[in-house]
Amino acid sequence: MKLPDAIQAAAEKKIVAELKPISDKLTRLRATLDAYEIRVREDVERRVSNAILAALDMEQTVGDNSFEGATEDLRTAIQAVAELVGFPFVPSELGVKEVPAAELVVHAPEPVNLPAPPAPVAYPTPTEPSPPPSEELTADQILAKAGMNLSPPAPVSTPAPLTRPPRKATPEDIAAAKRLITEVETLKLEIKQHHPRRLFPLLQAITAEIKLLLERLPFDNFLYERLGPLLSVVGQLKVEGNVPEFIRGLKFGSHGDWERLSYKNRQIVEKYDRDAEQPAPQSKDYKPKPQKGHAEPDTNGKGHQWPAYPRLRAVTKPVLLAGGIKIPEKIKSVHERFGIELEWHEIDHDNPRASQTLMRRIRSGKVGAVILLEGVMRHSTYKPVVEACNNMGVPYAMGDKAGIASLSDAFAELERMLSLPTS
């Protein structure tokens, strides 16, 4: 409430005069509380020290009257504040009821006889031999002798969790992963051409190598994401290839010595191929009869008759196989079956730099023909290459995923385009 200035000044003096005794009592109570806390700590420290000194048969510290004086001051300060709030209170049925002032009788506190410092305690002779006088007792030994084993229990050491080093993709693992992906994609197209006796160790080796790479490659690597689904593809190839044997590693969470399994089964596949290349033993009297009236076909020495493709064979500039990951074994097998030398232009994971390099080669006139493996590339990757071929008059064809049938159709398409008159 706002009062006139003269009246407000007089009121302030009255307020200060009435608050001063209350403020003085509260201030004295705070001071005596702080002093009492200090004296209590000193008294406790003295008693604990005396107990230890008594256990060591040493002279104890004599206390003074400071603790009793602080206690008496605190009683007086509490009594003065209690008078302000009408202490004591008595409970009623509905709450707290104040005792009328006429009935309030404040009794002086009776003096409290504080316990005297403990007398030296006679401890029994310890069962363990006491250390020689020349040796110093440790803190734990002193406290134990005084009956106050206050040392905290020793923390239980828990073994640190085993942390595995972060995975890193090495160049060898990346190259192996790329070879595996291409090998599986090629095998999908040629599954009917493999005998089950050869297909079983081949699928077992591929499965072991996939599991091994999944344990090495980082989880965020794009090759790790492509390798995982290949296990289900291997399972499908097992069914399509009529392989009855159990292939270890196809089951989720399976473990094994993948390096040993891969090496062992790759050796079996190589042995099978070597045995298949050896001609069957013939009797000494066997003589092949020459065919009359037919010219001997142009073959690669392994029973494959090469198609003619005269215009394609007459191309002097490189014939490119563009897309995917380069597989030297695939180039070799294409030459054995068709008799055509190919150069593989690798475009891994739709790499834009690789496709731009291919377009520069086409525009510079250094390419004779192109087979685009559109089955392993996005449309946005090979579409600019098609435009570059059209602009430069370079024949091109689609080879899907480099399967034998797809490449045969692509070679035939290139031969047809080379026979067209140039404008």
Protein backbone atom coordinates (compact mmCIF):
# COMPACT_ATOMS: atom_id res chain seq x y z
CA MET A 1 0.00 0.00 0.00
CA LYS A 2 1.42 3.39 -1.06
CA LEU A 3 1.42 6.03 1.71
CA PRO A 4 2.36 9.73 1.65
CA ASP A 5 6.11 10.34 1.92
CA ALA A 6 6.07 11.72 5.48
CA ILE A 7 3.87 8.93 6.73
CA GLN A 8 5.89 6.35 4.77
CA ALA A 9 9.14 7.48 6.43
CA ALA A 10 7.60 7.21 9.90
CA ALA A 11 6.22 3.80 9.02
CA GLU A 12 9.67 2.63 7.87
CA LYS A 13 11.17 3.59 11.21
CA LYS A 14 8.44 1.68 13.01
CA ILE A 15 8.95 -1.37 10.79
CA VAL A 16 12.70 -1.35 11.36
CA ALA A 17 12.25 -0.96 15.10
CA GLU A 18 9.88 -3.93 15.30
CA LEU A 19 11.98 -6.14 12.98
CA LYS A 20 15.29 -5.51 14.75
CA PRO A 21 14.77 -7.78 17.78
CA ILE A 22 13.44 -10.57 15.53
CA SER A 23 16.31 -10.17 13.09
CA ASP A 24 18.85 -10.15 15.93
CA LYS A 25 17.46 -13.41 17.36
CA LEU A 26 17.51 -15.14 13.94
CA THR A 27 21.04 -13.88 13.22
CA ARG A 28 22.24 -15.16 16.60
CA LEU A 29 20.62 -18.54 15.91
CA ARG A 30 22.43 -18.87 12.56
CA ALA A 31 25.76 -17.96 14.15
CA THR A 32 25.36 -20.37 17.04
CA LEU A 33 24.36 -23.18 14.63
CA ASP A 34 27.56 -22.67 12.63
CA ALA A 35 29.67 -22.56 15.80
CA TYR A 36 27.97 -25.67 17.19
CA GLU A 37 28.65 -27.62 13.96
CA ILE A 38 32.35 -26.74 14.17
CA ARG A 39 32.59 -27.75 17.86
CA VAL A 40 30.74 -31.03 17.24
CA ARG A 41 33.25 -31.99 14.53
CA GLU A 42 36.18 -31.11 16.78
CA ASP A 43 34.70 -33.19 19.60
CA VAL A 44 34.12 -36.20 17.34
CA GLU A 45 37.63 -35.97 15.90
CA ARG A 46 39.09 -35.80 19.43
CA ARG A 47 37.17 -38.87 20.61
CA VAL A 48 38.10 -40.93 17.55
CA SER A 49 41.75 -39.89 17.89
CA ASN A 50 41.75 -40.78 21.58
CA ALA A 51 40.40 -44.25 20.79
CA ILE A 52 43.25 -44.86 18.33
CA LEU A 53 45.84 -43.42 20.72
CA ALA A 54 44.52 -45.67 23.49
CA ALA A 55 44.90 -48.70 21.23
CA LEU A 56 48.51 -47.70 20.60
CA ASP A 57 49.19 -47.02 24.29
CA MET A 58 49.91 -43.38 23.59
CA GLU A 59 48.97 -40.23 25.48
CA GLN A 60 45.46 -38.99 24.74
CA THR A 61 44.28 -35.46 24.02
CA VAL A 62 42.49 -33.61 26.85
CA GLY A 63 39.29 -31.81 25.79
CA ASP A 64 38.27 -28.27 26.69
CA ASN A 65 34.92 -26.63 27.48
CA SER A 66 34.36 -25.13 24.03
CA PHE A 67 31.86 -27.85 23.05
CA GLU A 68 29.80 -27.33 26.24
CA GLY A 69 29.83 -23.56 25.70
CA ALA A 70 28.65 -23.90 22.09
CA THR A 71 25.87 -26.22 23.23
CA GLU A 72 24.68 -23.77 25.88
CA ASP A 73 24.72 -20.85 23.39
CA LEU A 74 22.66 -22.89 20.92
CA ARG A 75 20.07 -23.69 23.61
CA THR A 76 19.72 -20.02 24.47
CA ALA A 77 19.37 -18.98 20.81
CA ILE A 78 16.79 -21.70 20.12
CA GLN A 79 14.77 -20.68 23.20
CA ALA A 80 14.68 -17.05 22.05
CA VAL A 81 13.43 -18.02 18.56
CA ALA A 82 10.95 -20.51 20.03
CA GLU A 83 9.30 -17.66 21.96
CA LEU A 84 8.72 -15.84 18.66
CA VAL A 85 6.76 -18.72 17.08
CA GLY A 86 4.89 -19.78 20.22
CA PHE A 87 6.71 -23.06 20.74
CA PRO A 88 5.65 -25.72 21.71
CA PHE A 89 2.74 -26.75 19.47
CA VAL A 90 0.14 -29.34 20.37
CA PRO A 91 -1.67 -31.37 17.65
CA SER A 92 -5.44 -31.11 17.28
CA GLU A 93 -7.91 -33.18 15.32
CA LEU A 94 -7.92 -30.81 12.34
CA GLY A 95 -4.38 -29.53 12.41
CA VAL A 96 -1.96 -27.68 14.59
CA LYS A 97 -3.29 -25.69 17.51
CA GLU A 98 -1.31 -23.00 19.23
CA VAL A 99 -1.08 -23.03 23.02
CA PRO A 100 -2.49 -19.81 24.53
CA ALA A 101 0.16 -17.43 25.75
CA ALA A 102 -1.27 -17.56 29.31
CA GLU A 103 -0.78 -21.31 29.41
CA LEU A 104 2.65 -21.27 27.83
CA VAL A 105 5.35 -21.90 30.42
CA VAL A 106 8.88 -22.01 29.16
CA HIS A 107 11.02 -24.22 31.32
CA ALA A 108 14.69 -23.70 31.44
CA PRO A 109 16.49 -26.60 29.87
CA GLU A 110 18.04 -28.99 32.28
CA PRO A 111 21.79 -29.30 31.94
CA VAL A 112 22.83 -32.35 30.04
CA ASN A 113 25.76 -34.26 31.33
CA LEU A 114 27.83 -35.07 28.28
CA PRO A 115 29.77 -38.32 28.37
CA ALA A 116 33.34 -37.97 29.44
CA PRO A 117 36.09 -38.95 27.03
CA PRO A 118 36.36 -42.70 26.93
CA ALA A 119 38.94 -44.26 29.17
CA PRO A 120 41.71 -46.27 27.60
CA VAL A 121 40.34 -49.60 26.55
CA ALA A 122 42.28 -52.74 27.31
CA TYR A 123 42.25 -54.80 24.13
CA PRO A 124 43.00 -58.51 24.16
CA THR A 125 46.27 -59.74 22.81
CA PRO A 126 45.90 -60.23 19.06
CA THR A 127 46.15 -63.76 17.81
CA GLU A 128 48.40 -62.69 14.94
CA PRO A 129 51.97 -61.73 15.86
CA SER A 130 52.47 -58.01 16.32
CA PRO A 131 54.90 -56.35 13.94
CA PRO A 132 58.35 -55.61 15.31
CA PRO A 133 58.84 -52.16 16.89
CA SER A 134 61.03 -51.06 14.02
CA GLU A 135 58.20 -51.54 11.50
CA GLU A 136 55.57 -48.81 11.04
CA LEU A 137 51.89 -49.78 11.15
CA THR A 138 49.74 -48.97 8.18
CA ALA A 139 46.57 -46.92 8.55
CA ASP A 140 44.36 -50.00 8.07
CA GLN A 141 46.29 -51.89 10.77
CA ILE A 142 45.94 -49.03 13.23
CA LEU A 143 42.20 -48.71 12.65
CA ALA A 144 41.73 -52.46 12.89
CA LYS A 145 43.59 -52.51 16.22
CA ALA A 146 41.33 -49.73 17.49
CA GLY A 147 38.24 -51.69 16.47
CA MET A 148 37.36 -49.26 13.71
CA ASN A 149 37.93 -50.90 10.37
CA LEU A 150 36.70 -47.97 8.33
CA SER A 151 38.51 -48.80 5.11
CA PRO A 152 36.06 -49.16 2.20
CA PRO A 153 35.95 -52.58 0.62
CA ALA A 154 38.30 -53.06 -2.24
CA PRO A 155 36.49 -52.46 -5.54
CA VAL A 156 35.80 -55.57 -7.51
CA SER A 157 37.74 -55.34 -10.71
CA THR A 158 35.53 -56.18 -13.65
CA PRO A 159 37.24 -57.14 -16.86
CA ALA A 160 37.02 -54.53 -19.54
CA PRO A 161 34.71 -55.47 -22.39
CA LEU A 162 36.46 -56.92 -25.37
CA THR A 163 36.48 -54.39 -28.17
CA ARG A 164 37.13 -55.50 -31.68
CA PRO A 165 39.20 -53.27 -33.92
CA PRO A 166 37.16 -51.42 -36.54
CA ARG A 167 36.83 -53.17 -39.86
CA LYS A 168 38.77 -51.79 -42.81
CA ALA A 169 38.25 -52.69 -46.44
CA THR A 170 41.61 -53.75 -47.89
CA PRO A 171 42.22 -53.63 -51.65
CA GLU A 172 42.54 -57.43 -51.67
CA ASP A 173 39.12 -57.89 -50.03
CA ILE A 174 37.50 -55.40 -52.40
CA ALA A 175 38.96 -57.15 -55.44
CA ALA A 176 37.87 -60.55 -54.11
CA ALA A 177 34.34 -59.28 -53.47
CA LYS A 178 34.06 -57.92 -57.01
CA ARG A 179 35.27 -61.21 -58.48
CA LEU A 180 32.73 -63.14 -56.40
CA ILE A 181 29.82 -60.94 -57.46
CA THR A 182 30.71 -61.32 -61.13
CA GLU A 183 31.33 -65.05 -60.78
CA VAL A 184 27.89 -65.61 -59.25
CA GLU A 185 26.18 -63.47 -61.88
CA THR A 186 27.89 -65.43 -64.65
CA LEU A 187 27.10 -68.74 -62.97
CA LYS A 188 23.40 -67.84 -62.93
CA LEU A 189 23.43 -67.73 -66.73
CA GLU A 190 25.49 -70.90 -67.21
CA ILE A 191 24.11 -73.08 -64.41
CA LYS A 192 22.75 -75.71 -66.81
CA GLN A 193 26.21 -76.20 -68.33
CA HIS A 194 27.81 -77.40 -65.07
CA HIS A 195 27.81 -80.98 -63.89
CA PRO A 196 26.59 -81.44 -60.29
CA ARG A 197 29.90 -83.08 -59.36
CA ARG A 198 31.72 -79.88 -60.31
CA LEU A 199 28.97 -77.52 -59.17
CA PHE A 200 28.94 -78.71 -55.54
CA PRO A 201 32.59 -77.83 -54.67
CA LEU A 202 32.27 -74.61 -56.68
CA LEU A 203 29.19 -73.46 -54.74
CA GLN A 204 30.82 -74.50 -51.45
CA ALA A 205 33.93 -72.46 -52.26
CA ILE A 206 31.85 -69.43 -53.26
CA THR A 207 29.78 -69.67 -50.06
CA ALA A 208 32.89 -69.90 -47.88
CA GLU A 209 34.45 -66.89 -49.60
CA ILE A 210 31.24 -64.86 -49.18
CA LYS A 211 31.13 -65.66 -45.45
CA LEU A 212 34.81 -64.80 -45.07
CA LEU A 213 34.37 -61.41 -46.75
CA LEU A 214 31.26 -60.64 -44.70
CA GLU A 215 33.43 -61.03 -41.59
CA ARG A 216 36.09 -58.65 -42.95
CA LEU A 217 34.33 -55.87 -44.85
CA PRO A 218 32.86 -52.87 -42.97
CA PHE A 219 29.10 -52.92 -42.55
CA ASP A 220 28.64 -49.62 -44.40
CA ASN A 221 30.62 -50.76 -47.46
CA PHE A 222 28.47 -51.13 -50.59
CA LEU A 223 30.14 -54.47 -51.39
CA TYR A 224 29.04 -55.81 -47.98
CA GLU A 225 25.45 -54.97 -48.89
CA ARG A 226 25.79 -56.76 -52.25
CA LEU A 227 27.44 -59.87 -50.81
CA GLY A 228 24.74 -60.63 -48.25
CA PRO A 229 21.95 -61.46 -50.76
CA LEU A 230 24.32 -63.69 -52.74
CA LEU A 231 23.93 -66.48 -50.16
CA SER A 232 20.28 -66.88 -51.14
CA VAL A 233 21.32 -66.84 -54.81
CA VAL A 234 23.76 -69.68 -54.11
CA GLY A 235 20.92 -71.61 -52.49
CA GLN A 236 18.83 -71.17 -55.65
CA LEU A 237 21.73 -72.29 -57.84
CA LYS A 238 22.09 -75.40 -55.69
CA VAL A 239 18.48 -76.31 -56.43
CA GLU A 240 18.68 -75.46 -60.14
CA GLY A 241 21.93 -77.39 -60.54
CA ASN A 242 20.53 -80.54 -58.85
CA VAL A 243 23.20 -80.53 -56.13
CA PRO A 244 22.05 -82.91 -53.35
CA GLU A 245 24.99 -82.36 -50.98
CA PHE A 246 24.84 -80.03 -47.96
CA ILE A 247 26.60 -76.69 -48.49
CA ARG A 248 28.02 -75.28 -45.28
CA GLY A 249 27.49 -71.56 -44.69
CA LEU A 250 24.08 -71.08 -46.28
CA LYS A 251 22.36 -71.30 -42.89
CA PHE A 252 22.08 -68.01 -40.99
CA GLY A 253 24.62 -67.64 -38.19
CA SER A 254 26.75 -70.61 -39.27
CA HIS A 255 30.46 -70.61 -38.47
CA GLY A 256 33.40 -72.44 -39.95
CA ASP A 257 36.96 -72.31 -41.18
CA TRP A 258 36.04 -70.48 -44.36
CA GLU A 259 39.58 -70.10 -45.67
CA ARG A 260 40.20 -73.84 -45.46
CA LEU A 261 36.84 -74.66 -47.05
CA SER A 262 37.47 -72.24 -49.91
CA TYR A 263 40.97 -73.55 -50.63
CA LYS A 264 39.95 -77.21 -50.40
CA ASN A 265 36.96 -76.92 -52.73
CA ARG A 266 38.73 -74.69 -55.25
CA GLN A 267 41.35 -77.44 -55.50
CA ILE A 268 38.59 -79.97 -56.19
CA VAL A 269 37.19 -77.78 -58.99
CA GLU A 270 40.63 -77.37 -60.58
CA LYS A 271 41.23 -81.12 -60.45
CA TYR A 272 37.85 -81.76 -62.06
CA ASP A 273 38.68 -79.32 -64.88
CA ARG A 274 42.09 -80.91 -65.46
CA ASP A 275 40.55 -84.35 -65.67
CA ALA A 276 37.86 -83.11 -68.05
CA GLU A 277 40.46 -81.62 -70.43
CA GLN A 278 42.40 -84.88 -70.78
CA PRO A 279 41.20 -87.02 -73.75
CA ALA A 280 39.82 -90.45 -73.05
CA PRO A 281 42.36 -93.27 -73.48
CA GLN A 282 42.13 -94.96 -76.90
CA SER A 283 43.36 -98.28 -78.16
CA LYS A 284 46.55 -98.52 -80.24
CA ASP A 285 44.64 -99.71 -83.35
CA TYR A 286 42.30 -96.69 -83.36
CA LYS A 287 42.77 -94.35 -86.34
CA PRO A 288 40.44 -91.44 -87.03
CA LYS A 289 38.82 -91.56 -90.45
CA PRO A 290 39.14 -88.35 -92.45
CA GLN A 291 35.88 -86.91 -93.71
CA LYS A 292 35.63 -86.56 -97.49
CA GLY A 293 34.20 -83.54 -99.22
CA HIS A 294 34.13 -81.34 -96.08
CA ALA A 295 36.72 -78.77 -95.09
CA GLU A 296 37.93 -79.06 -91.52
CA PRO A 297 36.10 -76.39 -89.44
CA ASP A 298 38.00 -73.54 -87.77
CA THR A 299 38.02 -74.46 -84.07
CA ASN A 300 39.89 -73.48 -80.94
CA GLY A 301 41.22 -76.97 -80.37
CA LYS A 302 38.55 -77.78 -77.74
CA GLY A 303 35.68 -78.77 -79.99
CA HIS A 304 34.07 -75.31 -80.38
CA GLN A 305 33.50 -74.23 -83.98
CA TRP A 306 34.05 -70.52 -84.39
CA PRO A 307 31.34 -68.54 -86.17
CA ALA A 308 32.39 -66.74 -89.35
CA TYR A 309 31.78 -63.04 -88.52
CA PRO A 310 34.14 -61.89 -91.33
CA ARG A 311 33.39 -58.17 -90.97
CA LEU A 312 33.73 -58.24 -87.18
CA ARG A 313 37.04 -60.10 -87.42
CA ALA A 314 38.26 -57.53 -89.96
CA VAL A 315 37.83 -54.66 -87.45
CA THR A 316 41.30 -53.37 -86.59
CA LYS A 317 40.31 -51.14 -83.69
CA PRO A 318 39.51 -52.64 -80.25
CA VAL A 319 36.15 -54.34 -79.71
CA LEU A 320 35.09 -53.33 -76.21
CA LEU A 321 33.05 -55.20 -73.62
CA ALA A 322 31.78 -52.29 -71.48
CA GLY A 323 30.28 -52.52 -67.99
CA GLY A 324 30.64 -54.38 -64.71
CA ILE A 325 33.86 -55.76 -63.26
CA LYS A 326 36.62 -57.11 -65.45
CA ILE A 327 37.02 -60.91 -65.37
CA PRO A 328 40.09 -62.14 -67.27
CA GLU A 329 38.76 -65.72 -67.25
CA LYS A 330 35.62 -64.53 -69.02
CA ILE A 331 37.61 -62.87 -71.82
CA LYS A 332 39.61 -66.07 -72.25
CA SER A 333 36.48 -68.25 -72.42
CA VAL A 334 34.86 -65.88 -74.97
CA HIS A 335 37.95 -66.13 -77.19
CA GLU A 336 37.95 -69.93 -76.93
CA ARG A 337 34.29 -70.14 -77.92
CA PHE A 338 34.04 -67.36 -80.55
CA GLY A 339 37.65 -66.66 -81.57
CA ILE A 340 37.23 -62.91 -81.04
CA GLU A 341 39.63 -60.76 -79.05
CA LEU A 342 37.79 -58.47 -76.63
CA GLU A 343 38.97 -55.64 -74.44
CA TRP A 344 37.00 -55.16 -71.20
CA HIS A 345 36.27 -51.56 -70.23
CA GLU A 346 35.33 -51.77 -66.56
CA ILE A 347 32.50 -49.60 -65.21
CA ASP A 348 32.25 -50.69 -61.59
CA HIS A 349 29.19 -49.64 -59.56
CA ASP A 350 28.06 -47.17 -62.26
CA ASN A 351 31.23 -45.15 -61.85
CA PRO A 352 30.66 -41.90 -63.84
CA ARG A 353 34.39 -41.40 -64.43
CA ALA A 354 34.69 -44.80 -66.12
CA SER A 355 31.73 -44.09 -68.43
CA GLN A 356 33.14 -40.65 -69.29
CA THR A 357 36.48 -42.25 -70.17
CA LEU A 358 34.67 -44.67 -72.49
CA MET A 359 32.86 -41.82 -74.24
CA ARG A 360 36.15 -39.96 -74.77
CA ARG A 361 37.63 -43.07 -76.40
CA ILE A 362 34.63 -43.38 -78.71
CA ARG A 363 34.70 -39.71 -79.70
CA SER A 364 38.43 -39.87 -80.42
CA GLY A 365 37.81 -42.65 -82.98
CA LYS A 366 39.81 -45.32 -81.12
CA VAL A 367 37.01 -47.89 -80.74
CA GLY A 368 35.92 -50.39 -83.42
CA ALA A 369 32.75 -51.74 -81.74
CA VAL A 370 31.10 -51.82 -78.32
CA ILE A 371 29.09 -54.50 -76.49
CA LEU A 372 27.25 -52.85 -73.58
CA LEU A 373 26.52 -55.06 -70.57
CA GLU A 374 23.28 -53.27 -69.72
CA GLY A 375 22.39 -56.02 -67.24
CA VAL A 376 25.00 -54.71 -64.77
CA MET A 377 24.52 -50.96 -65.38
CA ARG A 378 21.81 -48.41 -64.92
CA HIS A 379 20.09 -46.92 -67.94
CA SER A 380 21.45 -43.49 -67.04
CA THR A 381 24.99 -44.91 -67.21
CA TYR A 382 24.99 -46.48 -70.68
CA LYS A 383 22.54 -44.07 -72.40
CA PRO A 384 25.26 -41.40 -73.01
CA VAL A 385 27.53 -44.15 -74.39
CA VAL A 386 24.82 -45.14 -76.90
CA GLU A 387 24.48 -41.50 -77.98
CA ALA A 388 28.25 -41.22 -78.43
CA CYS A 389 28.27 -44.40 -80.58
CA ASN A 390 25.44 -43.08 -82.75
CA ASN A 391 27.18 -39.73 -83.25
CA MET A 392 30.51 -41.34 -84.19
CA GLY A 393 29.04 -44.21 -86.26
CA VAL A 394 30.49 -46.87 -83.94
CA PRO A 395 28.46 -50.12 -84.03
CA TYR A 396 27.17 -51.27 -80.66
CA ALA A 397 25.06 -54.11 -79.26
CA MET A 398 23.61 -55.17 -75.92
CA GLY A 399 25.20 -58.11 -74.08
CA ASP A 400 23.06 -58.22 -70.89
CA LYS A 401 25.37 -59.80 -68.25
CA ALA A 402 27.98 -61.35 -70.61
CA GLY A 403 26.30 -64.74 -70.81
CA ILE A 404 27.24 -67.02 -73.72
CA ALA A 405 23.85 -66.72 -75.42
CA SER A 406 23.75 -62.93 -74.93
CA LEU A 407 27.25 -62.49 -76.36
CA SER A 408 26.39 -64.70 -79.34
CA ASP A 409 23.43 -62.44 -80.16
CA ALA A 410 25.58 -59.34 -79.62
CA PHE A 411 28.28 -60.57 -82.05
CA ALA A 412 25.61 -61.33 -84.64
CA GLU A 413 24.14 -57.83 -84.20
CA LEU A 414 27.57 -56.23 -84.62
CA GLU A 415 28.17 -58.29 -87.79
CA ARG A 416 24.82 -57.09 -89.16
CA MET A 417 25.55 -53.44 -88.34
CA LEU A 418 28.99 -53.65 -89.97
CA SER A 419 27.39 -54.97 -93.17
CA LEU A 420 25.13 -51.90 -93.47
CA PRO A 421 26.25 -49.23 -95.95
CA THR A 422 27.75 -46.17 -94.29
CA SER A 423 26.22 -42.82 -95.18
